[in-house]
Amino acid sequence: MKLFPVYRIVVFVPPAHLDVLKQGILAVDDLAAGGYAQGMWESAPGYEQFRVQAGTHGALGDAGELVREASVRLEFCIPRDPERLQRLLTQGIAAHHPWNTPAVFVDTTEFAAP
């Protein structure tokens, strides 16, 4: 097997918005890599929590309130290409996610493939 440098992108999203987010991501990029396209992983159920800070006008919760919401972990990989990554973050995730500040994590790692 050979190692290929990739970005691993993880985003947490409420279950009711999962399909919209996936469609938004795939409208920007087909996630093609290694002879496959549209490769994604979903993990559920889970919960995210946050306390809304004063001055924040979030999509959910009031200032000082602790919010606990059901969440799905959506994960996918792309070859390391900073421009492709930026398009996915802005046009695919931020434009289709219901939160003002979605929980998105990007790791650089390697994918093992024949």
Protein backbone atom coordinates (compact mmCIF):
# COMPACT_ATOMS: atom_id res chain seq x y z
CA MET A 1 0.00 0.00 0.00
CA LYS A 2 1.02 3.56 -0.64
CA LEU A 3 0.32 6.65 1.46
CA PHE A 4 -1.39 9.66 -0.13
CA PRO A 5 -1.46 13.09 1.58
CA VAL A 6 -5.06 14.22 2.25
CA TYR A 7 -7.11 16.69 4.25
CA ARG A 8 -9.62 15.01 6.55
CA ILE A 9 -12.58 17.34 7.11
CA VAL A 10 -14.97 16.72 10.00
CA VAL A 11 -18.13 18.76 10.53
CA PHE A 12 -20.88 18.35 13.11
CA VAL A 13 -24.44 19.09 11.95
CA PRO A 14 -27.97 18.65 13.32
CA PRO A 15 -29.56 15.49 11.83
CA ALA A 16 -32.37 17.46 10.16
CA HIS A 17 -29.76 19.42 8.13
CA LEU A 18 -27.48 16.51 7.20
CA ASP A 19 -28.84 15.90 3.69
CA VAL A 20 -28.82 19.61 2.80
CA LEU A 21 -25.21 19.91 3.95
CA LYS A 22 -24.14 16.80 2.01
CA GLN A 23 -25.85 18.07 -1.15
CA GLY A 24 -24.17 21.47 -0.72
CA ILE A 25 -20.74 19.88 -0.34
CA LEU A 26 -21.23 17.60 -3.34
CA ALA A 27 -22.48 20.51 -5.47
CA VAL A 28 -19.06 22.14 -4.95
CA ASP A 29 -16.86 19.05 -5.15
CA ASP A 30 -17.56 15.40 -6.00
CA LEU A 31 -14.87 14.35 -3.47
CA ALA A 32 -13.17 12.23 -6.14
CA ALA A 33 -10.06 10.41 -4.98
CA GLY A 34 -8.53 7.02 -5.69
CA GLY A 35 -11.09 5.88 -8.25
CA TYR A 36 -14.12 6.73 -6.11
CA ALA A 37 -16.34 9.78 -5.69
CA GLN A 38 -18.76 11.09 -3.06
CA GLY A 39 -17.01 9.24 -0.24
CA MET A 40 -18.33 10.34 3.16
CA TRP A 41 -18.71 8.84 6.63
CA GLU A 42 -21.51 9.59 9.06
CA SER A 43 -21.50 8.82 12.79
CA ALA A 44 -24.58 9.27 14.93
CA PRO A 45 -26.20 9.80 17.31
CA GLY A 46 -24.29 12.33 19.32
CA TYR A 47 -24.75 15.69 20.97
CA GLU A 48 -23.00 19.03 20.84
CA GLN A 49 -23.35 21.70 23.46
CA PHE A 50 -22.47 25.36 23.72
CA ARG A 51 -23.25 28.37 25.88
CA VAL A 52 -24.30 31.43 23.93
CA GLN A 53 -22.15 34.42 24.90
CA ALA A 54 -23.45 37.96 25.34
CA GLY A 55 -23.59 39.85 22.05
CA THR A 56 -23.94 36.68 19.97
CA HIS A 57 -27.06 36.27 17.88
CA GLY A 58 -26.90 32.58 17.18
CA ALA A 59 -29.31 30.40 15.27
CA LEU A 60 -30.29 28.72 18.54
CA GLY A 61 -30.28 29.82 22.19
CA ASP A 62 -30.15 33.10 24.09
CA ALA A 63 -27.22 34.81 25.82
CA GLY A 64 -26.10 32.78 28.83
CA GLU A 65 -28.15 29.75 27.84
CA LEU A 66 -26.52 26.32 27.65
CA VAL A 67 -27.77 24.60 24.50
CA ARG A 68 -27.51 20.84 23.96
CA GLU A 69 -28.49 19.65 20.50
CA ALA A 70 -28.45 16.32 18.64
CA SER A 71 -25.60 16.15 16.15
CA VAL A 72 -24.16 13.96 13.38
CA ARG A 73 -20.45 13.75 12.65
CA LEU A 74 -19.89 14.00 8.88
CA GLU A 75 -16.39 13.25 7.66
CA PHE A 76 -14.69 13.11 4.27
CA CYS A 77 -11.22 13.35 2.72
CA ILE A 78 -9.77 15.16 -0.27
CA PRO A 79 -6.25 15.27 -1.72
CA ARG A 80 -4.25 18.13 -0.19
CA ASP A 81 -5.13 21.10 -2.34
CA PRO A 82 -5.57 24.37 -0.38
CA GLU A 83 -7.80 25.99 -3.04
CA ARG A 84 -10.08 22.95 -3.19
CA LEU A 85 -10.25 22.91 0.61
CA GLN A 86 -11.17 26.60 0.79
CA ARG A 87 -13.99 26.15 -1.77
CA LEU A 88 -15.40 23.26 0.27
CA LEU A 89 -15.21 25.24 3.52
CA THR A 90 -16.87 28.40 2.21
CA GLN A 91 -19.17 27.29 -0.62
CA GLY A 92 -19.91 23.75 0.55
CA ILE A 93 -20.02 23.85 4.35
CA ALA A 94 -20.49 27.44 5.55
CA ALA A 95 -23.10 28.21 2.86
CA HIS A 96 -25.24 25.14 3.75
CA HIS A 97 -24.79 24.73 7.50
CA PRO A 98 -27.51 26.06 9.85
CA TRP A 99 -25.11 27.37 12.53
CA ASN A 100 -23.40 30.78 12.34
CA THR A 101 -20.14 29.12 13.39
CA PRO A 102 -20.24 25.42 12.50
CA ALA A 103 -17.85 23.04 14.26
CA VAL A 104 -15.46 22.14 11.42
CA PHE A 105 -12.10 20.47 11.89
CA VAL A 106 -9.42 19.96 9.23
CA ASP A 107 -6.53 17.57 9.75
CA THR A 108 -3.64 16.80 7.46
CA THR A 109 -3.09 13.07 7.34
CA GLU A 110 -2.35 10.26 4.93
CA PHE A 111 -4.68 7.78 3.26
CA ALA A 112 -3.39 4.27 2.63
CA ALA A 113 -4.40 2.80 -0.74
CA PRO A 114 -3.06 0.21 -3.16
